[in-house]
């Protein structure tokens, strides 16, 4: 009895391999599509929320237009009337501007 040499894939193996690849691609597409759809909905909701945002009213006086050193003193006095927190950079910016006069 002679031994038959067999090389390559049979048709059944090829069909099974194609089915596995198609299932993997299909699941990947569905995951990507759902992720993309969720990100689009989130970004449009965020954009709508930003468009409707109104800043809270402040009791701080408005700073005058700075054209010279005396205007800078008026602006510094207006800024000193407000409470400056660690996150507010107005005080350091004003000090930087005053050093150039």
PDB file of N, CA and C in Angstrom:
ATOM      1  N   UNK A   1       0.828  -1.142   0.000  1.00  0.00           N
ATOM      2  CA  UNK A   1       0.000   0.000   0.000  1.00  0.00           C
ATOM      3  C   UNK A   1       0.890   1.228   0.000  1.00  0.00           C
ATOM      4  N   UNK A   2       0.619   2.087  -0.927  1.00  0.00           N
ATOM      5  CA  UNK A   2       1.442   3.297  -1.041  1.00  0.00           C
ATOM      6  C   UNK A   2       0.855   4.408  -0.181  1.00  0.00           C
ATOM      7  N   UNK A   3       1.760   5.180   0.372  1.00  0.00           N
ATOM      8  CA  UNK A   3       1.361   6.311   1.195  1.00  0.00           C
ATOM      9  C   UNK A   3       1.135   7.509   0.299  1.00  0.00           C
ATOM     10  N   UNK A   4      -0.020   8.135   0.420  1.00  0.00           N
ATOM     11  CA  UNK A   4      -0.284   9.315  -0.385  1.00  0.00           C
ATOM     12  C   UNK A   4       0.243  10.537   0.347  1.00  0.00           C
ATOM     13  N   UNK A   5       0.977  11.363  -0.370  1.00  0.00           N
ATOM     14  CA  UNK A   5       1.453  12.598   0.258  1.00  0.00           C
ATOM     15  C   UNK A   5       0.411  13.675   0.028  1.00  0.00           C
ATOM     16  N   UNK A   6       0.122  14.363   1.075  1.00  0.00           N
ATOM     17  CA  UNK A   6      -0.901  15.387   0.994  1.00  0.00           C
ATOM     18  C   UNK A   6      -0.253  16.707   1.404  1.00  0.00           C
ATOM     19  N   UNK A   7      -0.420  17.723   0.598  1.00  0.00           N
ATOM     20  CA  UNK A   7       0.159  19.018   0.945  1.00  0.00           C
ATOM     21  C   UNK A   7      -0.885  20.101   0.720  1.00  0.00           C
ATOM     22  N   UNK A   8      -0.829  21.155   1.558  1.00  0.00           N
ATOM     23  CA  UNK A   8      -1.762  22.261   1.398  1.00  0.00           C
ATOM     24  C   UNK A   8      -3.026  22.045   2.210  1.00  0.00           C
ATOM     25  N   UNK A   9      -3.947  22.966   2.021  1.00  0.00           N
ATOM     26  CA  UNK A   9      -5.221  22.917   2.731  1.00  0.00           C
ATOM     27  C   UNK A   9      -6.254  22.199   1.883  1.00  0.00           C
ATOM     28  N   UNK A  10      -7.141  21.529   2.580  1.00  0.00           N
ATOM     29  CA  UNK A  10      -8.281  20.970   1.869  1.00  0.00           C
ATOM     30  C   UNK A  10      -9.340  22.064   1.768  1.00  0.00           C
ATOM     31  N   UNK A  11     -10.362  21.817   1.008  1.00  0.00           N
ATOM     32  CA  UNK A  11     -11.427  22.810   0.836  1.00  0.00           C
ATOM     33  C   UNK A  11     -12.144  23.050   2.164  1.00  0.00           C
ATOM     34  N   UNK A  12     -12.352  22.026   2.952  1.00  0.00           N
ATOM     35  CA  UNK A  12     -13.038  22.163   4.237  1.00  0.00           C
ATOM     36  C   UNK A  12     -12.225  23.048   5.177  1.00  0.00           C
ATOM     37  N   UNK A  13     -10.927  22.821   5.244  1.00  0.00           N
ATOM     38  CA  UNK A  13     -10.070  23.655   6.099  1.00  0.00           C
ATOM     39  C   UNK A  13     -10.076  25.104   5.652  1.00  0.00           C
ATOM     40  N   UNK A  14     -10.060  25.340   4.340  1.00  0.00           N
ATOM     41  CA  UNK A  14     -10.080  26.691   3.784  1.00  0.00           C
ATOM     42  C   UNK A  14     -11.389  27.397   4.123  1.00  0.00           C
ATOM     43  N   UNK A  15     -12.514  26.700   3.989  1.00  0.00           N
ATOM     44  CA  UNK A  15     -13.818  27.292   4.306  1.00  0.00           C
ATOM     45  C   UNK A  15     -13.896  27.619   5.800  1.00  0.00           C
ATOM     46  N   UNK A  16     -13.429  26.736   6.649  1.00  0.00           N
ATOM     47  CA  UNK A  16     -13.451  26.986   8.098  1.00  0.00           C
ATOM     48  C   UNK A  16     -12.565  28.195   8.432  1.00  0.00           C
ATOM     49  N   UNK A  17     -11.411  28.285   7.810  1.00  0.00           N
ATOM     50  CA  UNK A  17     -10.523  29.426   8.047  1.00  0.00           C
ATOM     51  C   UNK A  17     -11.182  30.729   7.604  1.00  0.00           C
ATOM     52  N   UNK A  18     -11.835  30.720   6.454  1.00  0.00           N
ATOM     53  CA  UNK A  18     -12.527  31.921   5.977  1.00  0.00           C
ATOM     54  C   UNK A  18     -13.669  32.312   6.905  1.00  0.00           C
ATOM     55  N   UNK A  19     -14.409  31.342   7.406  1.00  0.00           N
ATOM     56  CA  UNK A  19     -15.504  31.644   8.323  1.00  0.00           C
ATOM     57  C   UNK A  19     -14.965  32.287   9.605  1.00  0.00           C
ATOM     58  N   UNK A  20     -13.873  31.770  10.133  1.00  0.00           N
ATOM     59  CA  UNK A  20     -13.270  32.329  11.344  1.00  0.00           C
ATOM     60  C   UNK A  20     -12.810  33.767  11.087  1.00  0.00           C
ATOM     61  N   UNK A  21     -12.173  34.012   9.961  1.00  0.00           N
ATOM     62  CA  UNK A  21     -11.705  35.355   9.633  1.00  0.00           C
ATOM     63  C   UNK A  21     -12.882  36.311   9.474  1.00  0.00           C
ATOM     64  N   UNK A  22     -13.950  35.879   8.802  1.00  0.00           N
ATOM     65  CA  UNK A  22     -15.124  36.730   8.602  1.00  0.00           C
ATOM     66  C   UNK A  22     -15.784  37.050   9.941  1.00  0.00           C
ATOM     67  N   UNK A  23     -15.882  36.093  10.842  1.00  0.00           N
ATOM     68  CA  UNK A  23     -16.471  36.338  12.162  1.00  0.00           C
ATOM     69  C   UNK A  23     -15.631  37.343  12.942  1.00  0.00           C
ATOM     70  N   UNK A  24     -14.323  37.200  12.915  1.00  0.00           N
ATOM     71  CA  UNK A  24     -13.435  38.133  13.631  1.00  0.00           C
ATOM     72  C   UNK A  24     -13.564  39.536  13.057  1.00  0.00           C
ATOM     73  N   UNK A  25     -13.580  39.654  11.744  1.00  0.00           N
ATOM     74  CA  UNK A  25     -13.725  40.971  11.110  1.00  0.00           C
ATOM     75  C   UNK A  25     -15.094  41.567  11.426  1.00  0.00           C
ATOM     76  N   UNK A  26     -16.139  40.766  11.387  1.00  0.00           N
ATOM     77  CA  UNK A  26     -17.485  41.254  11.689  1.00  0.00           C
ATOM     78  C   UNK A  26     -17.612  41.760  13.125  1.00  0.00           C
ATOM     79  N   UNK A  27     -17.089  41.005  14.074  1.00  0.00           N
ATOM     80  CA  UNK A  27     -17.135  41.433  15.474  1.00  0.00           C
ATOM     81  C   UNK A  27     -16.299  42.702  15.657  1.00  0.00           C
ATOM     82  N   UNK A  28     -15.143  42.761  15.035  1.00  0.00           N
ATOM     83  CA  UNK A  28     -14.310  43.961  15.125  1.00  0.00           C
ATOM     84  C   UNK A  28     -15.004  45.187  14.554  1.00  0.00           C
ATOM     85  N   UNK A  29     -15.686  45.015  13.433  1.00  0.00           N
ATOM     86  CA  UNK A  29     -16.413  46.146  12.834  1.00  0.00           C
ATOM     87  C   UNK A  29     -17.540  46.612  13.737  1.00  0.00           C
ATOM     88  N   UNK A  30     -18.296  45.685  14.314  1.00  0.00           N
ATOM     89  CA  UNK A  30     -19.390  46.065  15.204  1.00  0.00           C
ATOM     90  C   UNK A  30     -18.879  46.816  16.434  1.00  0.00           C
ATOM     91  N   UNK A  31     -17.787  46.348  17.004  1.00  0.00           N
ATOM     92  CA  UNK A  31     -17.208  47.031  18.166  1.00  0.00           C
ATOM     93  C   UNK A  31     -16.747  48.418  17.764  1.00  0.00           C
ATOM     94  N   UNK A  32     -16.048  48.541  16.654  1.00  0.00           N
ATOM     95  CA  UNK A  32     -15.566  49.845  16.185  1.00  0.00           C
ATOM     96  C   UNK A  32     -16.733  50.787  15.894  1.00  0.00           C
ATOM     97  N   UNK A  33     -17.769  50.271  15.230  1.00  0.00           N
ATOM     98  CA  UNK A  33     -18.930  51.096  14.864  1.00  0.00           C
ATOM     99  C   UNK A  33     -19.648  51.607  16.117  1.00  0.00           C
ATOM    100  N   UNK A  34     -19.856  50.737  17.097  1.00  0.00           N
ATOM    101  CA  UNK A  34     -20.516  51.166  18.338  1.00  0.00           C
ATOM    102  C   UNK A  34     -19.662  52.177  19.092  1.00  0.00           C
ATOM    103  N   UNK A  35     -18.358  51.962  19.114  1.00  0.00           N
ATOM    104  CA  UNK A  35     -17.453  52.908  19.790  1.00  0.00           C
ATOM    105  C   UNK A  35     -17.479  54.257  19.083  1.00  0.00           C
ATOM    106  N   UNK A  36     -17.458  54.237  17.764  1.00  0.00           N
ATOM    107  CA  UNK A  36     -17.480  55.483  16.979  1.00  0.00           C
ATOM    108  C   UNK A  36     -18.810  56.211  17.166  1.00  0.00           C
ATOM    109  N   UNK A  37     -19.911  55.475  17.187  1.00  0.00           N
ATOM    110  CA  UNK A  37     -21.228  56.071  17.365  1.00  0.00           C
ATOM    111  C   UNK A  37     -21.343  56.690  18.757  1.00  0.00           C
ATOM    112  N   UNK A  38     -20.825  56.029  19.787  1.00  0.00           N
ATOM    113  CA  UNK A  38     -20.875  56.553  21.151  1.00  0.00           C
ATOM    114  C   UNK A  38     -20.022  57.804  21.287  1.00  0.00           C
ATOM    115  N   UNK A  39     -18.855  57.840  20.663  1.00  0.00           N
ATOM    116  CA  UNK A  39     -17.998  59.020  20.733  1.00  0.00           C
ATOM    117  C   UNK A  39     -18.638  60.204  20.026  1.00  0.00           C
ATOM    118  N   UNK A  40     -19.304  59.975  18.909  1.00  0.00           N
ATOM    119  CA  UNK A  40     -19.965  61.055  18.178  1.00  0.00           C
ATOM    120  C   UNK A  40     -21.105  61.630  19.010  1.00  0.00           C
ATOM    121  N   UNK A  41     -21.885  60.785  19.656  1.00  0.00           N
ATOM    122  CA  UNK A  41     -22.988  61.251  20.495  1.00  0.00           C
ATOM    123  C   UNK A  41     -22.455  62.029  21.691  1.00  0.00           C
ATOM    124  N   UNK A  42     -21.365  61.568  22.289  1.00  0.00           N
ATOM    125  CA  UNK A  42     -20.780  62.247  23.443  1.00  0.00           C
ATOM    126  C   UNK A  42     -20.216  63.595  23.049  1.00  0.00           C
ATOM    127  N   UNK A  43     -19.515  63.660  21.915  1.00  0.00           N
ATOM    128  CA  UNK A  43     -18.907  64.928  21.515  1.00  0.00           C
ATOM    129  C   UNK A  43     -19.963  65.947  21.116  1.00  0.00           C
ATOM    130  N   UNK A  44     -21.060  65.518  20.488  1.00  0.00           N
ATOM    131  CA  UNK A  44     -22.101  66.476  20.128  1.00  0.00           C
ATOM    132  C   UNK A  44     -22.841  66.945  21.372  1.00  0.00           C
ATOM    133  N   UNK A  45     -23.019  66.077  22.358  1.00  0.00           N
ATOM    134  CA  UNK A  45     -23.651  66.483  23.612  1.00  0.00           C
ATOM    135  C   UNK A  45     -22.760  67.470  24.345  1.00  0.00           C
ATOM    136  N   UNK A  46     -21.463  67.208  24.364  1.00  0.00           N
ATOM    137  CA  UNK A  46     -20.533  68.113  25.021  1.00  0.00           C
ATOM    138  C   UNK A  46     -20.513  69.458  24.316  1.00  0.00           C
ATOM    139  N   UNK A  47     -20.537  69.463  22.999  1.00  0.00           N
ATOM    140  CA  UNK A  47     -20.539  70.717  22.255  1.00  0.00           C
ATOM    141  C   UNK A  47     -21.821  71.491  22.521  1.00  0.00           C
ATOM    142  N   UNK A  48     -22.941  70.791  22.641  1.00  0.00           N
ATOM    143  CA  UNK A  48     -24.195  71.468  22.936  1.00  0.00           C
ATOM    144  C   UNK A  48     -24.167  72.070  24.334  1.00  0.00           C
ATOM    145  N   UNK A  49     -23.566  71.357  25.276  1.00  0.00           N
ATOM    146  CA  UNK A  49     -23.472  71.873  26.637  1.00  0.00           C
ATOM    147  C   UNK A  49     -22.558  73.085  26.702  1.00  0.00           C
ATOM    148  N   UNK A  50     -21.490  73.082  25.950  1.00  0.00           N
ATOM    149  CA  UNK A  50     -20.570  74.215  25.938  1.00  0.00           C
ATOM    150  C   UNK A  50     -21.245  75.417  25.307  1.00  0.00           C
ATOM    151  N   UNK A  51     -22.022  75.209  24.257  1.00  0.00           N
ATOM    152  CA  UNK A  51     -22.705  76.313  23.595  1.00  0.00           C
ATOM    153  C   UNK A  51     -23.746  76.965  24.490  1.00  0.00           C
ATOM    154  N   UNK A  52     -24.327  76.212  25.425  1.00  0.00           N
ATOM    155  CA  UNK A  52     -25.347  76.748  26.312  1.00  0.00           C
ATOM    156  C   UNK A  52     -24.774  77.269  27.621  1.00  0.00           C
ATOM    157  N   UNK A  53     -23.469  77.207  27.792  1.00  0.00           N
ATOM    158  CA  UNK A  53     -22.855  77.608  29.053  1.00  0.00           C
ATOM    159  C   UNK A  53     -22.874  79.122  29.203  1.00  0.00           C
ATOM    160  N   UNK A  54     -23.312  79.552  30.355  1.00  0.00           N
ATOM    161  CA  UNK A  54     -23.273  80.976  30.686  1.00  0.00           C
ATOM    162  C   UNK A  54     -22.431  81.114  31.944  1.00  0.00           C
ATOM    163  N   UNK A  55     -21.433  81.969  31.906  1.00  0.00           N
ATOM    164  CA  UNK A  55     -20.557  82.116  33.054  1.00  0.00           C
ATOM    165  C   UNK A  55     -21.335  82.715  34.222  1.00  0.00           C
ATOM    166  N   UNK A  56     -20.990  82.299  35.437  1.00  0.00           N
ATOM    167  CA  UNK A  56     -21.714  82.807  36.590  1.00  0.00           C
ATOM    168  C   UNK A  56     -21.423  84.294  36.792  1.00  0.00           C
ATOM    169  N   UNK A  57     -22.378  85.022  37.342  1.00  0.00           N
ATOM    170  CA  UNK A  57     -22.149  86.447  37.561  1.00  0.00           C
ATOM    171  C   UNK A  57     -21.078  86.662  38.625  1.00  0.00           C
ATOM    172  N   UNK A  58     -20.256  87.666  38.431  1.00  0.00           N
ATOM    173  CA  UNK A  58     -19.203  87.976  39.393  1.00  0.00           C
ATOM    174  C   UNK A  58     -19.459  89.356  39.970  1.00  0.00           C
ATOM    175  N   UNK A  59     -18.997  89.538  41.202  1.00  0.00           N
ATOM    176  CA  UNK A  59     -19.173  90.821  41.869  1.00  0.00           C
ATOM    177  C   UNK A  59     -17.947  91.710  41.688  1.00  0.00           C
ATOM    178  N   UNK A  60     -16.977  91.232  40.953  1.00  0.00           N
ATOM    179  CA  UNK A  60     -15.738  91.982  40.776  1.00  0.00           C
ATOM    180  C   UNK A  60     -15.972  93.153  39.829  1.00  0.00           C
ATOM    181  N   UNK A  61     -15.377  94.285  40.136  1.00  0.00           N
ATOM    182  CA  UNK A  61     -15.513  95.424  39.219  1.00  0.00           C
ATOM    183  C   UNK A  61     -14.727  95.170  37.944  1.00  0.00           C
ATOM    184  N   UNK A  62     -15.148  95.778  36.867  1.00  0.00           N
ATOM    185  CA  UNK A  62     -14.430  95.586  35.617  1.00  0.00           C
ATOM    186  C   UNK A  62     -13.149  96.411  35.639  1.00  0.00           C
ATOM    187  N   UNK A  63     -12.101  95.842  35.118  1.00  0.00           N
ATOM    188  CA  UNK A  63     -10.801  96.522  35.099  1.00  0.00           C
ATOM    189  C   UNK A  63     -10.784  97.541  33.966  1.00  0.00           C
ATOM    190  N   UNK A  64     -10.154  98.682  34.190  1.00  0.00           N
ATOM    191  CA  UNK A  64     -10.091  99.694  33.136  1.00  0.00           C
ATOM    192  C   UNK A  64      -9.111  99.290  32.041  1.00  0.00           C
ATOM    193  N   UNK A  65      -9.202  99.936  30.893  1.00  0.00           N
ATOM    194  CA  UNK A  65      -8.279  99.717  29.786  1.00  0.00           C
ATOM    195  C   UNK A  65      -6.906 100.247  30.190  1.00  0.00           C
ATOM    196  N   UNK A  66      -5.861  99.470  29.969  1.00  0.00           N
ATOM    197  CA  UNK A  66      -4.515  99.855  30.375  1.00  0.00           C
ATOM    198  C   UNK A  66      -3.784 100.454  29.188  1.00  0.00           C
ATOM    199  N   UNK A  67      -3.481 101.755  29.287  1.00  0.00           N
ATOM    200  CA  UNK A  67      -2.725 102.437  28.246  1.00  0.00           C
ATOM    201  C   UNK A  67      -1.417 103.019  28.765  1.00  0.00           C
ATOM    202  N   UNK A  68      -1.344 103.275  30.057  1.00  0.00           N
ATOM    203  CA  UNK A  68      -0.117 103.837  30.634  1.00  0.00           C
ATOM    204  C   UNK A  68       0.015 103.354  32.077  1.00  0.00           C
ATOM    205  N   UNK A  69       1.014 103.864  32.794  1.00  0.00           N
ATOM    206  CA  UNK A  69       1.308 103.398  34.140  1.00  0.00           C
ATOM    207  C   UNK A  69       0.191 103.732  35.120  1.00  0.00           C
ATOM    208  N   UNK A  70      -0.459 104.889  34.997  1.00  0.00           N
ATOM    209  CA  UNK A  70      -1.538 105.229  35.925  1.00  0.00           C
ATOM    210  C   UNK A  70      -2.746 104.316  35.714  1.00  0.00           C
ATOM    211  N   UNK A  71      -2.992 103.919  34.470  1.00  0.00           N
ATOM    212  CA  UNK A  71      -4.057 102.958  34.205  1.00  0.00           C
ATOM    213  C   UNK A  71      -3.737 101.601  34.822  1.00  0.00           C
ATOM    214  N   UNK A  72      -2.452 101.269  34.831  1.00  0.00           N
ATOM    215  CA  UNK A  72      -2.027 100.013  35.418  1.00  0.00           C
ATOM    216  C   UNK A  72      -2.281 100.023  36.917  1.00  0.00           C
ATOM    217  N   UNK A  73      -2.042 101.153  37.567  1.00  0.00           N
ATOM    218  CA  UNK A  73      -2.322 101.268  39.001  1.00  0.00           C
ATOM    219  C   UNK A  73      -3.812 101.101  39.276  1.00  0.00           C
ATOM    220  N   UNK A  74      -4.657 101.688  38.438  1.00  0.00           N
ATOM    221  CA  UNK A  74      -6.108 101.534  38.587  1.00  0.00           C
ATOM    222  C   UNK A  74      -6.527 100.076  38.407  1.00  0.00           C
ATOM    223  N   UNK A  75      -5.926  99.405  37.457  1.00  0.00           N
ATOM    224  CA  UNK A  75      -6.240  97.994  37.216  1.00  0.00           C
ATOM    225  C   UNK A  75      -5.788  97.147  38.394  1.00  0.00           C
ATOM    226  N   UNK A  76      -4.626  97.458  38.961  1.00  0.00           N
ATOM    227  CA  UNK A  76      -4.125  96.709  40.104  1.00  0.00           C
ATOM    228  C   UNK A  76      -5.044  96.924  41.309  1.00  0.00           C
ATOM    229  N   UNK A  77      -5.552  98.135  41.497  1.00  0.00           N
ATOM    230  CA  UNK A  77      -6.475  98.408  42.597  1.00  0.00           C
ATOM    231  C   UNK A  77      -7.778  97.638  42.400  1.00  0.00           C
ATOM    232  N   UNK A  78      -8.277  97.572  41.173  1.00  0.00           N
ATOM    233  CA  UNK A  78      -9.497  96.810  40.895  1.00  0.00           C
ATOM    234  C   UNK A  78      -9.281  95.332  41.128  1.00  0.00           C
ATOM    235  N   UNK A  79      -8.111  94.846  40.776  1.00  0.00           N
ATOM    236  CA  UNK A  79      -7.804  93.434  40.964  1.00  0.00           C
ATOM    237  C   UNK A  79      -7.642  93.110  42.441  1.00  0.00           C
ATOM    238  N   UNK A  80      -7.098  94.018  43.220  1.00  0.00           N
ATOM    239  CA  UNK A  80      -6.919  93.793  44.649  1.00  0.00           C
ATOM    240  C   UNK A  80      -8.249  93.714  45.384  1.00  0.00           C
ATOM    241  N   UNK A  81      -9.312  94.218  44.814  1.00  0.00           N
ATOM    242  CA  UNK A  81     -10.622  94.153  45.443  1.00  0.00           C
ATOM    243  C   UNK A  81     -11.258  92.770  45.305  1.00  0.00           C
ATOM    244  N   UNK A  82     -10.739  91.966  44.412  1.00  0.00           N
ATOM    245  CA  UNK A  82     -11.268  90.617  44.223  1.00  0.00           C
ATOM    246  C   UNK A  82     -10.387  89.628  44.955  1.00  0.00           C
ATOM    247  N   UNK A  83     -10.918  88.455  45.236  1.00  0.00           N
ATOM    248  CA  UNK A  83     -10.110  87.413  45.875  1.00  0.00           C
ATOM    249  C   UNK A  83      -9.418  86.610  44.788  1.00  0.00           C
ATOM    250  N   UNK A  84      -8.128  86.505  44.895  1.00  0.00           N
ATOM    251  CA  UNK A  84      -7.334  85.781  43.915  1.00  0.00           C
ATOM    252  C   UNK A  84      -7.028  84.408  44.487  1.00  0.00           C
ATOM    253  N   UNK A  85      -7.426  83.371  43.769  1.00  0.00           N
ATOM    254  CA  UNK A  85      -7.162  82.001  44.204  1.00  0.00           C
ATOM    255  C   UNK A  85      -5.881  81.517  43.552  1.00  0.00           C
ATOM    256  N   UNK A  86      -5.444  80.345  43.973  1.00  0.00           N
ATOM    257  CA  UNK A  86      -4.207  79.772  43.428  1.00  0.00           C
ATOM    258  C   UNK A  86      -4.345  79.450  41.943  1.00  0.00           C
ATOM    259  N   UNK A  87      -5.563  79.159  41.487  1.00  0.00           N
ATOM    260  CA  UNK A  87      -5.771  78.816  40.079  1.00  0.00           C
ATOM    261  C   UNK A  87      -5.889  80.042  39.187  1.00  0.00           C
ATOM    262  N   UNK A  88      -6.042  81.211  39.759  1.00  0.00           N
ATOM    263  CA  UNK A  88      -6.229  82.425  38.979  1.00  0.00           C
ATOM    264  C   UNK A  88      -4.864  83.023  38.672  1.00  0.00           C
ATOM    265  N   UNK A  89      -4.578  83.284  37.411  1.00  0.00           N
ATOM    266  CA  UNK A  89      -3.270  83.779  37.014  1.00  0.00           C
ATOM    267  C   UNK A  89      -3.280  85.276  36.743  1.00  0.00           C
ATOM    268  N   UNK A  90      -4.394  85.961  37.058  1.00  0.00           N
ATOM    269  CA  UNK A  90      -4.475  87.396  36.774  1.00  0.00           C
ATOM    270  C   UNK A  90      -3.436  88.186  37.544  1.00  0.00           C
ATOM    271  N   UNK A  91      -3.212  87.826  38.818  1.00  0.00           N
ATOM    272  CA  UNK A  91      -2.258  88.559  39.641  1.00  0.00           C
ATOM    273  C   UNK A  91      -0.848  88.466  39.097  1.00  0.00           C
ATOM    274  N   UNK A  92      -0.410  87.287  38.718  1.00  0.00           N
ATOM    275  CA  UNK A  92       0.938  87.130  38.176  1.00  0.00           C
ATOM    276  C   UNK A  92       1.053  87.784  36.809  1.00  0.00           C
ATOM    277  N   UNK A  93      -0.010  87.734  36.023  1.00  0.00           N
ATOM    278  CA  UNK A  93       0.010  88.377  34.709  1.00  0.00           C
ATOM    279  C   UNK A  93       0.100  89.886  34.869  1.00  0.00           C
ATOM    280  N   UNK A  94      -0.610  90.442  35.850  1.00  0.00           N
ATOM    281  CA  UNK A  94      -0.583  91.867  36.077  1.00  0.00           C
ATOM    282  C   UNK A  94       0.803  92.301  36.579  1.00  0.00           C
ATOM    283  N   UNK A  95       1.415  91.491  37.427  1.00  0.00           N
ATOM    284  CA  UNK A  95       2.768  91.803  37.900  1.00  0.00           C
ATOM    285  C   UNK A  95       3.756  91.769  36.757  1.00  0.00           C
ATOM    286  N   UNK A  96       3.587  90.827  35.834  1.00  0.00           N
ATOM    287  CA  UNK A  96       4.463  90.744  34.674  1.00  0.00           C
ATOM    288  C   UNK A  96       4.294  91.978  33.791  1.00  0.00           C
ATOM    289  N   UNK A  97       3.057  92.399  33.583  1.00  0.00           N
ATOM    290  CA  UNK A  97       2.790  93.572  32.767  1.00  0.00           C
ATOM    291  C   UNK A  97       3.337  94.846  33.423  1.00  0.00           C
ATOM    292  N   UNK A  98       3.226  94.936  34.756  1.00  0.00           N
ATOM    293  CA  UNK A  98       3.685  96.148  35.444  1.00  0.00           C
ATOM    294  C   UNK A  98       5.198  96.266  35.413  1.00  0.00           C
ATOM    295  N   UNK A  99       5.907  95.153  35.317  1.00  0.00           N
ATOM    296  CA  UNK A  99       7.372  95.217  35.298  1.00  0.00           C
ATOM    297  C   UNK A  99       7.876  95.812  33.977  1.00  0.00           C
ATOM    298  N   UNK A 100       7.068  95.789  32.943  1.00  0.00           N
ATOM    299  CA  UNK A 100       7.517  96.327  31.644  1.00  0.00           C
ATOM    300  C   UNK A 100       7.335  97.840  31.558  1.00  0.00           C
ATOM    301  N   UNK A 101       6.578  98.463  32.489  1.00  0.00           N
ATOM    302  CA  UNK A 101       6.392  99.915  32.456  1.00  0.00           C
ATOM    303  C   UNK A 101       7.533 100.650  33.087  1.00  0.00           C
TER     304      UNK A 101
END
